[in-house]
Amino acid sequence: MTEELKNALDALKGHKMTVTELEEQRISFAYGNAPEEDNGTRESVARSLKEAELA
């Protein structure tokens, strides 16, 4: 681990993610784990997750 990376990680210790950061991470996770043949966009994933919350 480089000193630069160690310092960056140390600076983030105790960081509490905001609601927006959590939502973006959730979208990114779902989009990144979609099958390659899925033609969905990041926006369609976000829309689907929002609809699932409302159901």
PDB file of N, CA and C in Angstrom:
ATOM      1  N   MET A   1       0.853  -1.169   0.000  1.00  0.00           N
ATOM      2  CA  MET A   1       0.000   0.000   0.000  1.00  0.00           C
ATOM      3  C   MET A   1       0.899   1.232   0.000  1.00  0.00           C
ATOM      4  N   THR A   2       0.594   2.145  -0.899  1.00  0.00           N
ATOM      5  CA  THR A   2       1.394   3.372  -0.957  1.00  0.00           C
ATOM      6  C   THR A   2       1.018   4.295   0.202  1.00  0.00           C
ATOM      7  N   GLU A   3       1.912   5.197   0.501  1.00  0.00           N
ATOM      8  CA  GLU A   3       1.655   6.171   1.562  1.00  0.00           C
ATOM      9  C   GLU A   3       0.472   7.068   1.188  1.00  0.00           C
ATOM     10  N   GLU A   4       0.369   7.393  -0.105  1.00  0.00           N
ATOM     11  CA  GLU A   4      -0.730   8.232  -0.575  1.00  0.00           C
ATOM     12  C   GLU A   4      -2.082   7.547  -0.351  1.00  0.00           C
ATOM     13  N   LEU A   5      -2.160   6.259  -0.664  1.00  0.00           N
ATOM     14  CA  LEU A   5      -3.396   5.510  -0.452  1.00  0.00           C
ATOM     15  C   LEU A   5      -3.703   5.394   1.032  1.00  0.00           C
ATOM     16  N   LYS A   6      -2.696   5.105   1.836  1.00  0.00           N
ATOM     17  CA  LYS A   6      -2.892   5.004   3.285  1.00  0.00           C
ATOM     18  C   LYS A   6      -3.436   6.318   3.849  1.00  0.00           C
ATOM     19  N   ASN A   7      -2.882   7.428   3.407  1.00  0.00           N
ATOM     20  CA  ASN A   7      -3.346   8.739   3.888  1.00  0.00           C
ATOM     21  C   ASN A   7      -4.791   9.004   3.459  1.00  0.00           C
ATOM     22  N   ALA A   8      -5.126   8.627   2.227  1.00  0.00           N
ATOM     23  CA  ALA A   8      -6.490   8.819   1.742  1.00  0.00           C
ATOM     24  C   ALA A   8      -7.469   7.977   2.555  1.00  0.00           C
ATOM     25  N   LEU A   9      -7.118   6.734   2.840  1.00  0.00           N
ATOM     26  CA  LEU A   9      -7.985   5.861   3.634  1.00  0.00           C
ATOM     27  C   LEU A   9      -8.121   6.374   5.061  1.00  0.00           C
ATOM     28  N   ASP A  10      -7.021   6.845   5.634  1.00  0.00           N
ATOM     29  CA  ASP A  10      -7.068   7.397   6.991  1.00  0.00           C
ATOM     30  C   ASP A  10      -7.978   8.618   7.057  1.00  0.00           C
ATOM     31  N   ALA A  11      -7.965   9.437   6.002  1.00  0.00           N
ATOM     32  CA  ALA A  11      -8.794  10.644   5.975  1.00  0.00           C
ATOM     33  C   ALA A  11     -10.284  10.296   5.947  1.00  0.00           C
ATOM     34  N   LEU A  12     -10.621   9.117   5.435  1.00  0.00           N
ATOM     35  CA  LEU A  12     -12.023   8.717   5.328  1.00  0.00           C
ATOM     36  C   LEU A  12     -12.544   7.932   6.529  1.00  0.00           C
ATOM     37  N   LYS A  13     -11.677   7.602   7.452  1.00  0.00           N
ATOM     38  CA  LYS A  13     -12.131   6.858   8.632  1.00  0.00           C
ATOM     39  C   LYS A  13     -13.201   7.652   9.356  1.00  0.00           C
ATOM     40  N   GLY A  14     -14.277   6.964   9.683  1.00  0.00           N
ATOM     41  CA  GLY A  14     -15.370   7.598  10.410  1.00  0.00           C
ATOM     42  C   GLY A  14     -16.334   8.366   9.524  1.00  0.00           C
ATOM     43  N   HIS A  15     -16.083   8.367   8.205  1.00  0.00           N
ATOM     44  CA  HIS A  15     -16.994   9.068   7.281  1.00  0.00           C
ATOM     45  C   HIS A  15     -18.345   8.369   7.275  1.00  0.00           C
ATOM     46  N   LYS A  16     -19.381   9.123   7.461  1.00  0.00           N
ATOM     47  CA  LYS A  16     -20.747   8.607   7.417  1.00  0.00           C
ATOM     48  C   LYS A  16     -21.318   8.972   6.054  1.00  0.00           C
ATOM     49  N   MET A  17     -21.679   7.950   5.273  1.00  0.00           N
ATOM     50  CA  MET A  17     -22.204   8.198   3.939  1.00  0.00           C
ATOM     51  C   MET A  17     -23.545   8.911   4.010  1.00  0.00           C
ATOM     52  N   THR A  18     -23.737   9.840   3.086  1.00  0.00           N
ATOM     53  CA  THR A  18     -25.009  10.560   3.011  1.00  0.00           C
ATOM     54  C   THR A  18     -26.031   9.672   2.307  1.00  0.00           C
ATOM     55  N   VAL A  19     -27.285  10.066   2.379  1.00  0.00           N
ATOM     56  CA  VAL A  19     -28.357   9.340   1.705  1.00  0.00           C
ATOM     57  C   VAL A  19     -28.080   9.308   0.201  1.00  0.00           C
ATOM     58  N   THR A  20     -27.623  10.409  -0.349  1.00  0.00           N
ATOM     59  CA  THR A  20     -27.316  10.487  -1.778  1.00  0.00           C
ATOM     60  C   THR A  20     -26.174   9.543  -2.148  1.00  0.00           C
ATOM     61  N   GLU A  21     -25.129   9.501  -1.339  1.00  0.00           N
ATOM     62  CA  GLU A  21     -24.001   8.598  -1.597  1.00  0.00           C
ATOM     63  C   GLU A  21     -24.450   7.140  -1.550  1.00  0.00           C
ATOM     64  N   LEU A  22     -25.287   6.802  -0.577  1.00  0.00           N
ATOM     65  CA  LEU A  22     -25.794   5.431  -0.475  1.00  0.00           C
ATOM     66  C   LEU A  22     -26.639   5.053  -1.680  1.00  0.00           C
ATOM     67  N   GLU A  23     -27.475   5.987  -2.133  1.00  0.00           N
ATOM     68  CA  GLU A  23     -28.323   5.729  -3.293  1.00  0.00           C
ATOM     69  C   GLU A  23     -27.469   5.526  -4.546  1.00  0.00           C
ATOM     70  N   GLU A  24     -26.463   6.371  -4.739  1.00  0.00           N
ATOM     71  CA  GLU A  24     -25.573   6.233  -5.888  1.00  0.00           C
ATOM     72  C   GLU A  24     -24.799   4.917  -5.835  1.00  0.00           C
ATOM     73  N   GLN A  25     -24.376   4.515  -4.654  1.00  0.00           N
ATOM     74  CA  GLN A  25     -23.659   3.249  -4.511  1.00  0.00           C
ATOM     75  C   GLN A  25     -24.579   2.070  -4.826  1.00  0.00           C
ATOM     76  N   ARG A  26     -25.814   2.148  -4.405  1.00  0.00           N
ATOM     77  CA  ARG A  26     -26.792   1.087  -4.677  1.00  0.00           C
ATOM     78  C   ARG A  26     -27.045   0.948  -6.178  1.00  0.00           C
ATOM     79  N   ILE A  27     -27.208   2.078  -6.857  1.00  0.00           N
ATOM     80  CA  ILE A  27     -27.410   2.069  -8.307  1.00  0.00           C
ATOM     81  C   ILE A  27     -26.181   1.486  -8.998  1.00  0.00           C
ATOM     82  N   SER A  28     -25.019   1.935  -8.603  1.00  0.00           N
ATOM     83  CA  SER A  28     -23.775   1.468  -9.209  1.00  0.00           C
ATOM     84  C   SER A  28     -23.599  -0.036  -9.019  1.00  0.00           C
ATOM     85  N   PHE A  29     -23.920  -0.539  -7.838  1.00  0.00           N
ATOM     86  CA  PHE A  29     -23.798  -1.967  -7.547  1.00  0.00           C
ATOM     87  C   PHE A  29     -24.732  -2.776  -8.435  1.00  0.00           C
ATOM     88  N   ALA A  30     -25.994  -2.343  -8.514  1.00  0.00           N
ATOM     89  CA  ALA A  30     -26.984  -3.068  -9.324  1.00  0.00           C
ATOM     90  C   ALA A  30     -26.605  -3.025 -10.800  1.00  0.00           C
ATOM     91  N   TYR A  31     -26.195  -1.868 -11.285  1.00  0.00           N
ATOM     92  CA  TYR A  31     -25.817  -1.722 -12.691  1.00  0.00           C
ATOM     93  C   TYR A  31     -24.571  -2.552 -13.002  1.00  0.00           C
ATOM     94  N   GLY A  32     -23.606  -2.524 -12.121  1.00  0.00           N
ATOM     95  CA  GLY A  32     -22.364  -3.262 -12.338  1.00  0.00           C
ATOM     96  C   GLY A  32     -22.526  -4.767 -12.280  1.00  0.00           C
ATOM     97  N   ASN A  33     -23.571  -5.232 -11.616  1.00  0.00           N
ATOM     98  CA  ASN A  33     -23.795  -6.666 -11.497  1.00  0.00           C
ATOM     99  C   ASN A  33     -24.852  -7.198 -12.455  1.00  0.00           C
ATOM    100  N   ALA A  34     -25.341  -6.343 -13.330  1.00  0.00           N
ATOM    101  CA  ALA A  34     -26.316  -6.779 -14.337  1.00  0.00           C
ATOM    102  C   ALA A  34     -25.587  -7.635 -15.381  1.00  0.00           C
ATOM    103  N   PRO A  35     -26.283  -8.602 -15.947  1.00  0.00           N
ATOM    104  CA  PRO A  35     -25.663  -9.436 -16.987  1.00  0.00           C
ATOM    105  C   PRO A  35     -25.225  -8.576 -18.178  1.00  0.00           C
ATOM    106  N   GLU A  36     -24.142  -8.987 -18.838  1.00  0.00           N
ATOM    107  CA  GLU A  36     -23.623  -8.230 -19.980  1.00  0.00           C
ATOM    108  C   GLU A  36     -24.660  -8.073 -21.088  1.00  0.00           C
ATOM    109  N   GLU A  37     -25.478  -9.099 -21.281  1.00  0.00           N
ATOM    110  CA  GLU A  37     -26.460  -9.037 -22.365  1.00  0.00           C
ATOM    111  C   GLU A  37     -27.645  -8.131 -22.033  1.00  0.00           C
ATOM    112  N   ASP A  38     -27.733  -7.676 -20.791  1.00  0.00           N
ATOM    113  CA  ASP A  38     -28.792  -6.752 -20.389  1.00  0.00           C
ATOM    114  C   ASP A  38     -28.494  -5.390 -21.013  1.00  0.00           C
ATOM    115  N   ASN A  39     -29.461  -4.836 -21.697  1.00  0.00           N
ATOM    116  CA  ASN A  39     -29.277  -3.554 -22.368  1.00  0.00           C
ATOM    117  C   ASN A  39     -29.702  -2.373 -21.503  1.00  0.00           C
ATOM    118  N   GLY A  40     -29.884  -2.614 -20.221  1.00  0.00           N
ATOM    119  CA  GLY A  40     -30.318  -1.554 -19.329  1.00  0.00           C
ATOM    120  C   GLY A  40     -29.258  -0.476 -19.179  1.00  0.00           C
ATOM    121  N   THR A  41     -29.725   0.722 -18.913  1.00  0.00           N
ATOM    122  CA  THR A  41     -28.823   1.848 -18.675  1.00  0.00           C
ATOM    123  C   THR A  41     -28.776   2.127 -17.177  1.00  0.00           C
ATOM    124  N   ARG A  42     -27.838   2.933 -16.792  1.00  0.00           N
ATOM    125  CA  ARG A  42     -27.737   3.341 -15.389  1.00  0.00           C
ATOM    126  C   ARG A  42     -29.036   4.032 -14.958  1.00  0.00           C
ATOM    127  N   GLU A  43     -29.597   4.819 -15.863  1.00  0.00           N
ATOM    128  CA  GLU A  43     -30.843   5.529 -15.561  1.00  0.00           C
ATOM    129  C   GLU A  43     -32.006   4.562 -15.384  1.00  0.00           C
ATOM    130  N   SER A  44     -32.049   3.500 -16.203  1.00  0.00           N
ATOM    131  CA  SER A  44     -33.143   2.532 -16.069  1.00  0.00           C
ATOM    132  C   SER A  44     -33.002   1.748 -14.763  1.00  0.00           C
ATOM    133  N   VAL A  45     -31.782   1.498 -14.339  1.00  0.00           N
ATOM    134  CA  VAL A  45     -31.565   0.836 -13.045  1.00  0.00           C
ATOM    135  C   VAL A  45     -32.055   1.743 -11.928  1.00  0.00           C
ATOM    136  N   ALA A  46     -31.691   3.014 -11.986  1.00  0.00           N
ATOM    137  CA  ALA A  46     -32.123   3.967 -10.948  1.00  0.00           C
ATOM    138  C   ALA A  46     -33.642   4.050 -10.894  1.00  0.00           C
ATOM    139  N   ARG A  47     -34.279   4.085 -12.067  1.00  0.00           N
ATOM    140  CA  ARG A  47     -35.742   4.160 -12.130  1.00  0.00           C
ATOM    141  C   ARG A  47     -36.369   2.903 -11.526  1.00  0.00           C
ATOM    142  N   SER A  48     -35.811   1.726 -11.861  1.00  0.00           N
ATOM    143  CA  SER A  48     -36.340   0.457 -11.331  1.00  0.00           C
ATOM    144  C   SER A  48     -36.199   0.376  -9.826  1.00  0.00           C
ATOM    145  N   LEU A  49     -35.062   0.826  -9.310  1.00  0.00           N
ATOM    146  CA  LEU A  49     -34.864   0.797  -7.861  1.00  0.00           C
ATOM    147  C   LEU A  49     -35.840   1.749  -7.170  1.00  0.00           C
ATOM    148  N   LYS A  50     -36.074   2.910  -7.773  1.00  0.00           N
ATOM    149  CA  LYS A  50     -37.016   3.884  -7.187  1.00  0.00           C
ATOM    150  C   LYS A  50     -38.426   3.294  -7.172  1.00  0.00           C
ATOM    151  N   GLU A  51     -38.818   2.627  -8.284  1.00  0.00           N
ATOM    152  CA  GLU A  51     -40.144   2.005  -8.352  1.00  0.00           C
ATOM    153  C   GLU A  51     -40.285   0.880  -7.326  1.00  0.00           C
ATOM    154  N   ALA A  52     -39.220   0.122  -7.107  1.00  0.00           N
ATOM    155  CA  ALA A  52     -39.253  -0.955  -6.132  1.00  0.00           C
ATOM    156  C   ALA A  52     -39.437  -0.416  -4.715  1.00  0.00           C
ATOM    157  N   GLU A  53     -38.865   0.754  -4.446  1.00  0.00           N
ATOM    158  CA  GLU A  53     -39.035   1.371  -3.121  1.00  0.00           C
ATOM    159  C   GLU A  53     -40.477   1.785  -2.884  1.00  0.00           C
ATOM    160  N   LEU A  54     -41.157   2.201  -3.949  1.00  0.00           N
ATOM    161  CA  LEU A  54     -42.531   2.676  -3.841  1.00  0.00           C
ATOM    162  C   LEU A  54     -43.545   1.544  -3.748  1.00  0.00           C
ATOM    163  N   ALA A  55     -43.146   0.351  -4.172  1.00  0.00           N
ATOM    164  CA  ALA A  55     -44.068  -0.786  -4.180  1.00  0.00           C
ATOM    165  C   ALA A  55     -44.286  -1.339  -2.802  1.00  0.00           C
TER     166      ALA A  55
END
